[in-house]
Amino acid sequence: MMSDFESKTSYAANLIDKADYIVVLTGAGISTPSGIPDFRTKNTGLWEKNDPMLVASLSSFLNQPMIFFNWLKPLVKDIYFSDPNAAHISLARLERENKLKAIVTQNIDNLHQKAGAKNVIEIHGSISELVCLDCRIKVAFDEHFVNNFIDKFEIPKCEQCQKFLKPSITLFEEMLPVIAWDSAFDHFQKADLVIVIGSSLEVYPANQLPEISVSNGAKLIINTFSTTPMDQEADLLLPYNVIEVWPKILEKLNVS
């Protein structure tokens, strides 16, 4: 008899094979196997250890920058020394086979791009860029900045005004990047299959995106360990480790 894992991954492969417009939404759970902490896991989640409004808000950056950058430092270290895992690589391969229209991510870690994916929409911004809120100048958060920040705690400053540069990530009290959000919204309106990977679907407004697709008749696959508010609407739940389930699905699709 076929195991539950085998039957569900076969069904996932079948849904992917039949779909014409696939959009993926990824959350922190796709990157935890790469060593990047998520936000809500008991004892290890970033918001279990810190009050997000005190450390990761626009007010924190503007009014208590040392608290903000002390919180940011270990996260930057985790991100910059991490590598994409088998799930990131699998999605990049599916994109290369023209099976994915877009990867919409809530993550700021750049791991989809490191894995080779091209059409990645970062609705919460990216750690790979810095911006001056006064001069609007943007610079890459490159190896030079990162090493000085991690090793010497030298906080990057704007060359023009000498104020601290802010990572181009969406902090609490900030709006989502408009261009990225509009692009994501457009893709989810067109999708006939949505795949949610590693997202609890608790964060507004990202959690509204799959609802748009499902209300238009799209199929829904959810790959998380935890339950989500959309489990009852899903066509398939995959409560398995992302680095195990996606290589298996690609194997069934004959994608290498």
Protein backbone atom coordinates (compact mmCIF):
# COMPACT_ATOMS: atom_id res chain seq x y z
CA MET A 1 0.00 0.00 0.00
CA MET A 2 1.23 3.49 -0.88
CA SER A 3 2.24 5.54 2.17
CA ASP A 4 0.51 8.80 3.04
CA PHE A 5 3.66 10.70 2.06
CA GLU A 6 3.83 8.97 -1.32
CA SER A 7 0.16 9.45 -2.11
CA LYS A 8 0.15 13.11 -1.13
CA THR A 9 3.31 13.96 -3.04
CA SER A 10 1.87 12.15 -6.07
CA TYR A 11 -1.31 14.22 -5.79
CA ALA A 12 0.75 17.41 -5.46
CA ALA A 13 2.70 16.50 -8.60
CA ASN A 14 -0.57 15.86 -10.42
CA LEU A 15 -1.99 19.25 -9.41
CA ILE A 16 1.21 20.98 -10.52
CA ASP A 17 1.29 19.11 -13.81
CA LYS A 18 -2.29 20.12 -14.67
CA ALA A 19 -2.06 23.78 -13.61
CA ASP A 20 -1.40 26.61 -16.03
CA TYR A 21 -0.71 29.50 -13.65
CA ILE A 22 1.07 28.52 -10.43
CA VAL A 23 1.99 31.07 -7.78
CA VAL A 24 3.93 30.18 -4.62
CA LEU A 25 3.75 32.01 -1.29
CA THR A 26 6.64 31.29 1.06
CA GLY A 27 7.09 32.16 4.71
CA ALA A 28 9.72 31.68 7.38
CA GLY A 29 9.22 27.90 7.50
CA ILE A 30 10.93 27.37 4.15
CA SER A 31 14.14 28.92 5.49
CA THR A 32 14.37 27.39 8.96
CA PRO A 33 16.20 24.31 7.57
CA SER A 34 18.82 26.79 6.33
CA GLY A 35 19.40 27.96 9.90
CA ILE A 36 17.30 31.13 9.86
CA PRO A 37 14.95 31.40 12.86
CA ASP A 38 11.26 31.93 12.32
CA PHE A 39 9.16 34.37 14.29
CA ARG A 40 6.66 32.43 16.37
CA THR A 41 8.09 29.02 17.28
CA LYS A 42 8.07 28.56 21.04
CA ASN A 43 11.44 29.28 22.70
CA THR A 44 13.28 29.96 19.41
CA GLY A 45 11.02 32.32 17.46
CA LEU A 46 12.20 35.91 17.11
CA TRP A 47 8.98 37.29 18.58
CA GLU A 48 9.12 34.81 21.45
CA LYS A 49 12.38 36.43 22.55
CA ASN A 50 11.62 40.06 21.76
CA ASP A 51 8.68 42.43 21.60
CA PRO A 52 8.59 43.27 17.89
CA MET A 53 7.37 46.81 18.54
CA LEU A 54 10.42 47.46 20.71
CA VAL A 55 13.05 46.02 18.37
CA ALA A 56 11.66 45.81 14.84
CA SER A 57 9.48 48.86 14.37
CA LEU A 58 10.10 52.09 12.51
CA SER A 59 9.94 53.87 15.87
CA SER A 60 12.68 51.62 17.19
CA PHE A 61 14.93 52.36 14.21
CA LEU A 62 14.35 56.12 14.45
CA ASN A 63 14.33 56.60 18.22
CA GLN A 64 16.34 53.70 19.64
CA PRO A 65 18.69 52.67 16.82
CA MET A 66 21.10 50.79 19.10
CA ILE A 67 18.28 48.52 20.26
CA PHE A 68 17.21 48.00 16.65
CA PHE A 69 20.71 47.20 15.35
CA ASN A 70 21.51 44.95 18.32
CA TRP A 71 18.41 42.94 17.43
CA LEU A 72 19.31 42.97 13.74
CA LYS A 73 22.93 41.82 14.08
CA PRO A 74 22.39 38.09 14.81
CA LEU A 75 19.67 37.93 12.16
CA VAL A 76 22.01 39.44 9.56
CA LYS A 77 24.68 36.93 10.56
CA ASP A 78 22.25 34.02 10.23
CA ILE A 79 21.06 35.21 6.83
CA TYR A 80 24.38 36.06 5.23
CA PHE A 81 26.04 32.81 6.20
CA SER A 82 23.09 30.62 5.18
CA ASP A 83 22.60 28.69 1.97
CA PRO A 84 19.42 27.82 0.10
CA ASN A 85 18.05 24.40 0.99
CA ALA A 86 16.42 21.69 -1.11
CA ALA A 87 13.04 23.45 -1.05
CA HIS A 88 14.44 26.73 -2.40
CA ILE A 89 16.35 24.81 -5.07
CA SER A 90 13.29 22.77 -6.01
CA LEU A 91 11.22 25.91 -6.56
CA ALA A 92 13.97 27.43 -8.70
CA ARG A 93 13.97 24.26 -10.82
CA LEU A 94 10.19 24.38 -11.21
CA GLU A 95 10.49 27.99 -12.32
CA ARG A 96 13.17 27.00 -14.84
CA GLU A 97 10.71 24.44 -16.24
CA ASN A 98 8.19 27.28 -16.69
CA LYS A 99 5.88 25.74 -14.10
CA LEU A 100 5.90 28.74 -11.74
CA LYS A 101 4.77 32.23 -12.68
CA ALA A 102 6.05 33.84 -9.48
CA ILE A 103 7.47 33.14 -6.04
CA VAL A 104 5.96 35.64 -3.61
CA THR A 105 7.87 35.59 -0.35
CA GLN A 106 7.36 37.06 3.09
CA ASN A 107 11.04 36.37 3.78
CA ILE A 108 13.84 38.91 3.63
CA ASP A 109 16.72 36.43 3.31
CA ASN A 110 17.37 36.40 -0.46
CA LEU A 111 17.61 32.58 -0.45
CA HIS A 112 15.23 32.13 -3.38
CA GLN A 113 17.55 34.25 -5.50
CA LYS A 114 20.61 32.40 -4.20
CA ALA A 115 18.93 29.18 -5.34
CA GLY A 116 18.57 30.60 -8.85
CA ALA A 117 14.95 31.78 -8.92
CA LYS A 118 14.35 34.84 -11.09
CA ASN A 119 10.79 36.04 -10.57
CA VAL A 120 10.83 36.56 -6.81
CA ILE A 121 8.50 39.16 -5.31
CA GLU A 122 9.61 40.25 -1.84
CA ILE A 123 6.52 41.74 -0.22
CA HIS A 124 8.34 42.38 3.07
CA GLY A 125 11.46 43.78 1.43
CA SER A 126 15.00 42.43 1.42
CA ILE A 127 18.00 42.48 3.74
CA SER A 128 20.29 42.79 0.72
CA GLU A 129 19.68 46.54 0.35
CA LEU A 130 20.05 49.61 2.56
CA VAL A 131 18.24 52.92 2.21
CA CYS A 132 18.64 56.40 3.66
CA LEU A 133 15.22 57.57 4.77
CA ASP A 134 16.24 61.22 4.30
CA CYS A 135 18.27 61.18 1.08
CA ARG A 136 16.43 58.16 -0.43
CA ILE A 137 19.79 56.80 -1.56
CA LYS A 138 19.90 53.00 -1.84
CA VAL A 139 23.05 50.90 -1.58
CA ALA A 140 23.75 47.18 -1.50
CA PHE A 141 24.14 45.64 1.96
CA ASP A 142 27.21 43.93 0.58
CA GLU A 143 30.06 41.91 2.05
CA HIS A 144 31.94 45.02 3.15
CA PHE A 145 29.01 46.44 5.11
CA VAL A 146 28.02 43.04 6.49
CA ASN A 147 31.48 42.08 7.73
CA ASN A 148 32.02 45.45 9.41
CA PHE A 149 28.57 45.27 10.97
CA ILE A 150 28.97 41.72 12.28
CA ASP A 151 32.64 41.86 13.31
CA LYS A 152 32.99 45.47 14.49
CA PHE A 153 29.36 46.54 14.96
CA GLU A 154 29.98 49.39 12.53
CA ILE A 155 26.49 50.52 11.61
CA PRO A 156 26.24 51.56 7.94
CA LYS A 157 25.73 55.28 7.40
CA CYS A 158 24.65 57.42 4.48
CA GLU A 159 27.65 58.98 2.73
CA GLN A 160 25.73 62.21 2.20
CA CYS A 161 24.03 62.93 5.52
CA GLN A 162 25.81 60.45 7.83
CA LYS A 163 22.54 59.16 9.25
CA PHE A 164 22.08 55.44 9.80
CA LEU A 165 21.00 53.45 6.77
CA LYS A 166 17.91 51.32 7.20
CA PRO A 167 17.71 47.81 5.72
CA SER A 168 15.08 47.72 2.97
CA ILE A 169 12.84 45.45 5.03
CA THR A 170 9.30 46.23 6.09
CA LEU A 171 9.30 47.07 9.78
CA PHE A 172 6.27 47.31 12.01
CA GLU A 173 4.53 50.66 11.41
CA GLU A 174 5.61 50.65 7.75
CA MET A 175 3.57 50.04 4.62
CA LEU A 176 4.44 47.14 2.33
CA PRO A 177 6.40 48.08 -0.81
CA VAL A 178 3.69 49.15 -3.24
CA ILE A 179 5.20 47.81 -6.47
CA ALA A 180 5.89 44.38 -4.94
CA TRP A 181 2.41 44.19 -3.39
CA ASP A 182 0.64 45.19 -6.60
CA SER A 183 2.62 42.62 -8.57
CA ALA A 184 1.84 39.87 -6.03
CA PHE A 185 -1.85 40.81 -6.02
CA ASP A 186 -1.97 40.60 -9.81
CA HIS A 187 -0.37 37.13 -9.86
CA PHE A 188 -2.74 35.76 -7.22
CA GLN A 189 -5.74 37.06 -9.14
CA LYS A 190 -4.59 35.03 -12.16
CA ALA A 191 -3.47 31.86 -10.37
CA ASP A 192 -5.20 28.53 -10.90
CA LEU A 193 -2.95 26.82 -8.33
CA VAL A 194 -1.50 28.41 -5.20
CA ILE A 195 1.21 26.68 -3.17
CA VAL A 196 1.83 27.94 0.36
CA ILE A 197 5.12 26.80 1.88
CA GLY A 198 6.23 27.55 5.43
CA SER A 199 3.71 30.30 6.15
CA SER A 200 1.26 30.23 9.05
CA LEU A 201 -1.01 32.58 7.06
CA GLU A 202 -1.37 34.73 10.17
CA VAL A 203 0.30 37.93 8.95
CA TYR A 204 -1.92 40.51 7.31
CA PRO A 205 -2.13 41.40 4.45
CA ALA A 206 -0.03 38.56 2.98
CA ASN A 207 -2.52 36.02 4.33
CA GLN A 208 -5.19 37.53 2.09
CA LEU A 209 -3.40 36.60 -1.13
CA PRO A 210 -4.34 32.89 -1.26
CA GLU A 211 -7.93 33.85 -0.40
CA ILE A 212 -8.07 35.92 -3.59
CA SER A 213 -7.05 32.93 -5.71
CA VAL A 214 -9.30 30.41 -3.98
CA SER A 215 -12.30 32.73 -4.33
CA ASN A 216 -11.55 32.74 -8.07
CA GLY A 217 -11.58 28.93 -8.18
CA ALA A 218 -7.87 28.16 -7.77
CA LYS A 219 -6.60 24.96 -6.17
CA LEU A 220 -4.60 25.30 -2.94
CA ILE A 221 -1.69 23.27 -1.56
CA ILE A 222 -0.40 24.10 1.94
CA ASN A 223 2.95 22.74 3.12
CA THR A 224 3.41 23.60 6.81
CA PHE A 225 3.82 21.71 10.07
CA SER A 226 1.32 23.96 11.85
CA THR A 227 -2.33 24.52 11.10
CA THR A 228 -3.40 27.60 9.17
CA PRO A 229 -6.68 29.53 8.88
CA MET A 230 -7.05 28.18 5.33
CA ASP A 231 -6.60 24.46 6.01
CA GLN A 232 -10.30 23.79 5.45
CA GLU A 233 -10.13 25.41 2.02
CA ALA A 234 -6.99 23.57 0.91
CA ASP A 235 -7.15 20.81 -1.69
CA LEU A 236 -4.02 19.25 -0.22
CA LEU A 237 -2.19 19.58 3.10
CA LEU A 238 1.45 18.53 3.21
CA PRO A 239 2.50 18.42 6.89
CA TYR A 240 6.05 17.40 6.02
CA ASN A 241 9.54 18.85 6.14
CA VAL A 242 10.00 21.18 3.17
CA ILE A 243 13.42 19.75 2.33
CA GLU A 244 11.97 16.25 2.05
CA VAL A 245 8.67 16.91 0.30
CA TRP A 246 9.77 19.15 -2.59
CA PRO A 247 12.58 16.98 -3.99
CA LYS A 248 10.10 14.08 -3.92
CA ILE A 249 7.47 16.09 -5.82
CA LEU A 250 10.06 17.09 -8.43
CA GLU A 251 11.09 13.46 -8.75
CA LYS A 252 7.48 12.55 -9.52
CA LEU A 253 7.34 15.37 -12.09
CA ASN A 254 10.60 14.16 -13.68
CA VAL A 255 12.18 17.55 -13.06
CA SER A 256 15.90 17.40 -12.30
